[in-house]
């Protein structure tokens, strides 16, 4: 049963300005922010994930920022349960809440709920993991691209856990993973308004490059150096971290490291844009450096 409560989801590619925008929306409605950025959960990743800074966190209360360790076992299923519980509690005292983040699957888990998938036999799960160990992530990427090009164009192809999960289900069911993600949505007690932030591609890439350069100035190299011994953790298989890990392993030059971070961030932004196209009923707002947003027209 629906209530008069509204969750405002601020979507958009990395670097476009979701954090600043969501804080303005939250202040307008005197409410709090739920993060659905799957890398900003981790307290050790303080630079490369571009979490809200100290002053921004003081402006508006945020949930699910630096609430986990990279050593914790955490996934979208656990996040859905945790976030829905927080949202329900906050809606007792708030009419509006703001959800923000570029991790589309985590946002969908809140808005629509997760699809239910069959339990994968250990034999199949082990075989896919052995493929990853023996042939590497690029082999998994090519395999998924061949078997399910639709999901390949949406998923973070550098996230080995998601690649393996999709391939497990494909092997077990004989169906594409994307076709299995069209189940019935869960009933939510709140309404959802999706705001999609957009800007010209050239401007977005300029924003991305500036943000990467700021991360370098803020000490990203030092942060990754301290975490390099945990490089086998999936949480470190993140843009900005994996490139510097390759640099420390003498696999890539420093100049190429910076260029790779920029390139991989652009590629990630393109995949996010593809994902967000499915929000056909979203309110689209074009953000440019000189644009003025009338927040009174959002609702």
Protein backbone atom coordinates (compact mmCIF):
# COMPACT_ATOMS: atom_id res chain seq x y z
CA UNK A 1 0.00 0.00 0.00
CA UNK A 2 1.43 3.34 -1.10
CA UNK A 3 1.80 6.26 1.28
CA UNK A 4 2.36 9.95 0.58
CA UNK A 5 6.09 9.52 1.22
CA UNK A 6 8.49 10.19 -1.67
CA UNK A 7 11.99 8.94 -2.34
CA UNK A 8 13.87 11.27 -4.71
CA UNK A 9 16.59 9.38 -6.56
CA UNK A 10 19.35 11.56 -8.04
CA UNK A 11 20.93 9.54 -10.86
CA UNK A 12 23.70 10.42 -13.27
CA UNK A 13 27.16 9.39 -14.43
CA UNK A 14 30.23 9.71 -12.27
CA UNK A 15 31.63 13.22 -12.01
CA UNK A 16 28.50 15.06 -13.13
CA UNK A 17 27.80 16.66 -9.74
CA UNK A 18 25.31 14.35 -7.98
CA UNK A 19 26.66 15.08 -4.49
CA UNK A 20 26.23 18.86 -4.66
CA UNK A 21 22.85 18.53 -6.36
CA UNK A 22 21.51 16.01 -3.85
CA UNK A 23 22.57 18.18 -0.91
CA UNK A 24 20.63 21.11 -2.36
CA UNK A 25 17.56 18.93 -2.83
CA UNK A 26 17.85 17.51 0.70
CA UNK A 27 18.17 21.00 2.21
CA UNK A 28 15.12 22.19 0.28
CA UNK A 29 13.01 19.37 1.71
CA UNK A 30 14.70 19.41 5.13
CA UNK A 31 15.61 15.75 4.89
CA UNK A 32 18.46 13.23 4.81
CA UNK A 33 20.44 11.40 2.13
CA UNK A 34 20.76 7.67 1.49
CA UNK A 35 23.88 6.81 -0.52
CA UNK A 36 23.74 3.98 -3.06
CA UNK A 37 27.33 4.35 -4.22
CA UNK A 38 28.73 0.85 -3.74
CA UNK A 39 32.30 2.06 -3.19
CA UNK A 40 31.61 4.94 -0.84
CA UNK A 41 30.51 2.39 1.77
CA UNK A 42 34.14 1.56 2.54
CA UNK A 43 35.91 3.70 5.12
CA UNK A 44 39.40 2.94 3.77
CA UNK A 45 38.55 4.40 0.35
CA UNK A 46 38.53 8.07 1.26
CA UNK A 47 39.90 9.69 -1.91
CA UNK A 48 39.42 7.54 -4.99
CA UNK A 49 35.66 7.11 -4.53
CA UNK A 50 34.97 10.87 -4.20
CA UNK A 51 32.73 10.62 -1.13
CA UNK A 52 31.10 13.75 0.32
CA UNK A 53 33.70 15.78 2.19
CA UNK A 54 33.52 16.75 5.84
CA UNK A 55 31.67 20.01 5.31
CA UNK A 56 29.14 18.35 3.01
CA UNK A 57 28.48 15.64 5.57
CA UNK A 58 27.83 18.36 8.16
CA UNK A 59 25.38 20.16 5.86
CA UNK A 60 23.09 17.14 5.49
CA UNK A 61 23.04 13.82 7.34
CA UNK A 62 24.18 10.99 5.03
CA UNK A 63 23.62 7.26 5.47
CA UNK A 64 25.83 4.48 4.07
CA UNK A 65 28.98 6.57 3.75
CA UNK A 66 32.09 4.84 5.18
CA UNK A 67 29.92 2.43 7.17
CA UNK A 68 31.85 -0.70 6.11
CA UNK A 69 35.44 -1.94 5.87
CA UNK A 70 36.98 -3.30 2.69
CA UNK A 71 37.37 -6.56 4.63
CA UNK A 72 33.63 -6.90 5.25
CA UNK A 73 31.53 -9.26 3.16
CA UNK A 74 28.86 -6.97 1.72
CA UNK A 75 26.69 -7.13 -1.38
CA UNK A 76 23.62 -5.61 -2.97
CA UNK A 77 21.28 -8.07 -1.24
CA UNK A 78 22.51 -7.06 2.19
CA UNK A 79 22.44 -3.41 1.18
CA UNK A 80 18.80 -3.66 0.09
CA UNK A 81 17.78 -5.02 3.50
CA UNK A 82 19.84 -2.45 5.42
CA UNK A 83 18.75 0.54 3.33
CA UNK A 84 15.04 -0.32 3.27
CA UNK A 85 15.10 -0.58 7.07
CA UNK A 86 16.71 2.87 7.39
CA UNK A 87 14.32 4.36 4.82
CA UNK A 88 11.25 3.01 6.61
CA UNK A 89 12.43 4.44 9.92
CA UNK A 90 13.21 7.84 8.41
CA UNK A 91 9.83 8.05 6.69
CA UNK A 92 8.16 8.08 10.12
CA UNK A 93 9.45 11.63 10.53
CA UNK A 94 10.20 12.75 6.95
CA UNK A 95 7.94 13.10 3.91
CA UNK A 96 10.87 13.11 1.49
CA UNK A 97 14.20 11.32 1.35
CA UNK A 98 17.02 11.64 -1.17
CA UNK A 99 18.73 8.59 -2.67
CA UNK A 100 21.93 9.34 -4.57
CA UNK A 101 24.69 7.38 -6.27
CA UNK A 102 25.82 6.03 -9.60
CA UNK A 103 25.65 2.32 -8.74
CA UNK A 104 22.55 1.49 -10.76
CA UNK A 105 22.06 -2.02 -9.40
CA UNK A 106 22.11 -0.75 -5.80
CA UNK A 107 19.62 2.01 -6.67
CA UNK A 108 17.34 -0.49 -8.40
CA UNK A 109 17.42 -2.73 -5.32
CA UNK A 110 15.77 0.11 -3.38
CA UNK A 111 13.39 1.32 -6.07
CA UNK A 112 12.27 -2.00 -7.54
CA UNK A 113 13.72 -4.71 -5.32
CA UNK A 114 16.07 -7.47 -6.41
CA UNK A 115 15.04 -10.30 -8.69
CA UNK A 116 15.03 -13.76 -7.17
CA UNK A 117 17.50 -16.12 -8.82
CA UNK A 118 17.97 -19.87 -8.46
CA UNK A 119 20.63 -21.31 -6.18
CA UNK A 120 23.74 -22.16 -8.20
CA UNK A 121 25.26 -25.63 -7.69
CA UNK A 122 28.74 -25.54 -6.17
CA UNK A 123 30.15 -27.37 -9.20
CA UNK A 124 29.15 -24.57 -11.59
CA UNK A 125 30.18 -21.83 -9.17
CA UNK A 126 33.61 -23.41 -8.69
CA UNK A 127 34.12 -23.84 -12.44
CA UNK A 128 33.45 -20.14 -13.12
CA UNK A 129 35.77 -19.09 -10.31
CA UNK A 130 38.48 -21.37 -11.67
CA UNK A 131 38.09 -19.70 -15.08
CA UNK A 132 38.68 -16.36 -13.40
CA UNK A 133 41.78 -17.61 -11.60
CA UNK A 134 43.27 -19.36 -14.62
CA UNK A 135 42.34 -17.03 -17.48
CA UNK A 136 41.72 -13.69 -15.81
CA UNK A 137 39.01 -11.06 -15.92
CA UNK A 138 39.43 -10.27 -19.62
CA UNK A 139 38.38 -13.82 -20.46
CA UNK A 140 35.23 -13.38 -18.36
CA UNK A 141 34.52 -10.08 -20.09
CA UNK A 142 34.76 -11.63 -23.56
CA UNK A 143 32.62 -14.59 -22.51
CA UNK A 144 29.89 -12.37 -21.09
CA UNK A 145 30.00 -10.07 -24.12
CA UNK A 146 29.36 -13.07 -26.36
CA UNK A 147 26.64 -14.67 -24.22
CA UNK A 148 24.81 -11.55 -23.03
CA UNK A 149 25.83 -8.35 -24.87
CA UNK A 150 22.94 -6.41 -23.32
CA UNK A 151 24.12 -6.96 -19.75
CA UNK A 152 27.75 -6.53 -20.83
CA UNK A 153 26.94 -2.97 -21.94
CA UNK A 154 25.38 -2.18 -18.56
CA UNK A 155 27.58 -3.90 -15.98
CA UNK A 156 30.82 -2.63 -14.51
CA UNK A 157 33.00 -4.96 -16.59
CA UNK A 158 35.87 -4.57 -14.11
CA UNK A 159 33.78 -6.00 -11.29
CA UNK A 160 34.74 -9.68 -11.38
CA UNK A 161 32.09 -10.66 -8.81
CA UNK A 162 29.26 -9.40 -11.00
CA UNK A 163 30.75 -10.99 -14.11
CA UNK A 164 31.04 -14.36 -12.39
CA UNK A 165 27.53 -14.11 -10.95
CA UNK A 166 26.05 -13.48 -14.40
CA UNK A 167 28.05 -16.28 -16.01
CA UNK A 168 27.02 -18.73 -13.28
CA UNK A 169 23.35 -18.07 -13.92
CA UNK A 170 23.78 -18.22 -17.69
CA UNK A 171 25.52 -21.58 -17.46
CA UNK A 172 22.98 -23.01 -15.03
CA UNK A 173 19.78 -21.80 -16.74
CA UNK A 174 20.84 -21.51 -20.38
CA UNK A 175 19.23 -18.05 -20.44
CA UNK A 176 20.83 -14.62 -20.71
CA UNK A 177 21.28 -12.87 -17.39
CA UNK A 178 19.53 -9.75 -18.70
CA UNK A 179 16.39 -11.77 -19.49
CA UNK A 180 16.29 -13.03 -15.90
CA UNK A 181 16.29 -9.49 -14.52
CA UNK A 182 12.81 -8.66 -15.74
CA UNK A 183 10.90 -10.08 -12.80
CA UNK A 184 8.00 -8.46 -11.01
CA UNK A 185 8.96 -5.41 -8.97
CA UNK A 186 8.58 -5.55 -5.21
CA UNK A 187 5.80 -3.47 -3.73
CA UNK A 188 7.25 -0.40 -2.00
CA UNK A 189 5.26 1.70 0.45
CA UNK A 190 6.75 4.93 -0.89
CA UNK A 191 6.62 6.77 -4.20
CA UNK A 192 9.79 7.32 -6.21
CA UNK A 193 10.80 10.32 -8.29
CA UNK A 194 13.90 9.79 -10.42
CA UNK A 195 15.96 12.81 -11.44
CA UNK A 196 18.51 12.10 -14.17
CA UNK A 197 21.35 14.60 -14.34
CA UNK A 198 22.73 15.15 -17.82
CA UNK A 199 25.27 17.36 -19.54
CA UNK A 200 27.08 17.44 -22.90
CA UNK A 201 29.54 14.56 -23.19
CA UNK A 202 32.52 16.87 -23.73
CA UNK A 203 31.71 18.80 -20.54
CA UNK A 204 31.28 15.56 -18.60
CA UNK A 205 34.72 14.36 -19.69
CA UNK A 206 36.24 17.69 -18.65
CA UNK A 207 34.64 17.29 -15.21
CA UNK A 208 35.97 13.72 -14.96
CA UNK A 209 39.52 14.77 -15.87
CA UNK A 210 39.47 17.60 -13.33
CA UNK A 211 38.20 15.29 -10.63
CA UNK A 212 40.90 12.70 -11.33
CA UNK A 213 43.56 15.40 -11.16
CA UNK A 214 42.12 16.61 -7.84
CA UNK A 215 42.26 13.05 -6.49
CA UNK A 216 45.94 12.88 -7.41
CA UNK A 217 46.56 16.21 -5.66
CA UNK A 218 44.64 15.00 -2.61
CA UNK A 219 46.90 11.94 -2.24
CA UNK A 220 45.29 9.05 -4.14
CA UNK A 221 48.69 7.51 -4.87
CA UNK A 222 49.55 7.42 -1.16
CA UNK A 223 46.15 6.01 -0.26
CA UNK A 224 46.49 3.12 -2.72
CA UNK A 225 50.10 2.48 -1.65
CA UNK A 226 48.92 1.86 1.91
CA UNK A 227 46.23 -0.54 0.68
CA UNK A 228 48.30 -2.40 -1.95
CA UNK A 229 48.73 -5.51 0.22
CA UNK A 230 44.95 -6.02 0.00
CA UNK A 231 44.97 -5.87 -3.81
CA UNK A 232 43.22 -9.24 -4.14
CA UNK A 233 40.07 -7.92 -2.48
CA UNK A 234 37.27 -7.14 -4.94
CA UNK A 235 36.74 -3.80 -3.20
CA UNK A 236 40.16 -2.73 -4.50
CA UNK A 237 39.19 -3.68 -8.05
CA UNK A 238 37.97 -0.12 -8.43
CA UNK A 239 38.90 2.61 -10.89
CA UNK A 240 41.73 4.67 -9.43
CA UNK A 241 42.92 1.84 -7.20
CA UNK A 242 43.53 -0.98 -9.65
CA UNK A 243 45.54 1.29 -11.98
CA UNK A 244 47.85 2.43 -9.17
CA UNK A 245 48.21 -1.16 -8.00
CA UNK A 246 49.44 -2.06 -11.48
CA UNK A 247 51.84 0.89 -11.26
CA UNK A 248 53.24 -0.36 -7.95
CA UNK A 249 53.62 -3.81 -9.53
CA UNK A 250 55.71 -2.21 -12.30
CA UNK A 251 53.15 -3.16 -14.97
CA UNK A 252 52.48 0.39 -16.13
CA UNK A 253 54.20 3.79 -16.12
CA UNK A 254 53.05 6.68 -13.92
CA UNK A 255 51.85 8.70 -16.92
CA UNK A 256 49.90 5.75 -18.26
CA UNK A 257 48.42 5.20 -14.80
CA UNK A 258 46.85 8.66 -14.76
CA UNK A 259 45.67 8.34 -18.36
CA UNK A 260 44.18 4.91 -17.62
CA UNK A 261 42.28 6.24 -14.61
CA UNK A 262 40.78 8.97 -16.79
CA UNK A 263 39.98 6.56 -19.61
CA UNK A 264 38.43 3.92 -17.34
CA UNK A 265 36.38 6.57 -15.56
CA UNK A 266 35.05 7.81 -18.92
CA UNK A 267 34.18 4.25 -19.89
CA UNK A 268 32.41 3.72 -16.59
CA UNK A 269 30.42 6.93 -17.13
CA UNK A 270 29.33 5.68 -20.56
CA UNK A 271 28.05 2.43 -19.07
CA UNK A 272 26.18 4.38 -16.40
CA UNK A 273 24.54 6.54 -19.06
CA UNK A 274 23.40 3.37 -20.84
CA UNK A 275 21.96 2.00 -17.60
CA UNK A 276 20.09 5.21 -16.75
CA UNK A 277 18.40 5.32 -20.17
CA UNK A 278 15.93 2.73 -18.88
CA UNK A 279 14.51 5.33 -16.48
CA UNK A 280 12.18 6.59 -19.19
CA UNK A 281 9.89 8.41 -16.75
CA UNK A 282 12.70 10.27 -15.02
CA UNK A 283 12.83 14.05 -14.76
CA UNK A 284 15.85 15.04 -16.83
CA UNK A 285 17.89 18.03 -15.73
CA UNK A 286 20.72 19.36 -17.84
CA UNK A 287 23.61 20.55 -15.72
CA UNK A 288 26.24 22.86 -17.11
CA UNK A 289 28.80 25.04 -15.39
CA UNK A 290 26.60 28.13 -15.69
CA UNK A 291 23.15 26.60 -15.36
CA UNK A 292 20.77 27.68 -12.62
CA UNK A 293 18.46 24.97 -11.28
CA UNK A 294 15.05 25.97 -9.96
CA UNK A 295 14.63 23.49 -7.14
CA UNK A 296 11.04 24.64 -6.58
CA UNK A 297 10.06 22.83 -9.80
CA UNK A 298 11.47 19.43 -8.83
CA UNK A 299 8.26 18.14 -7.24
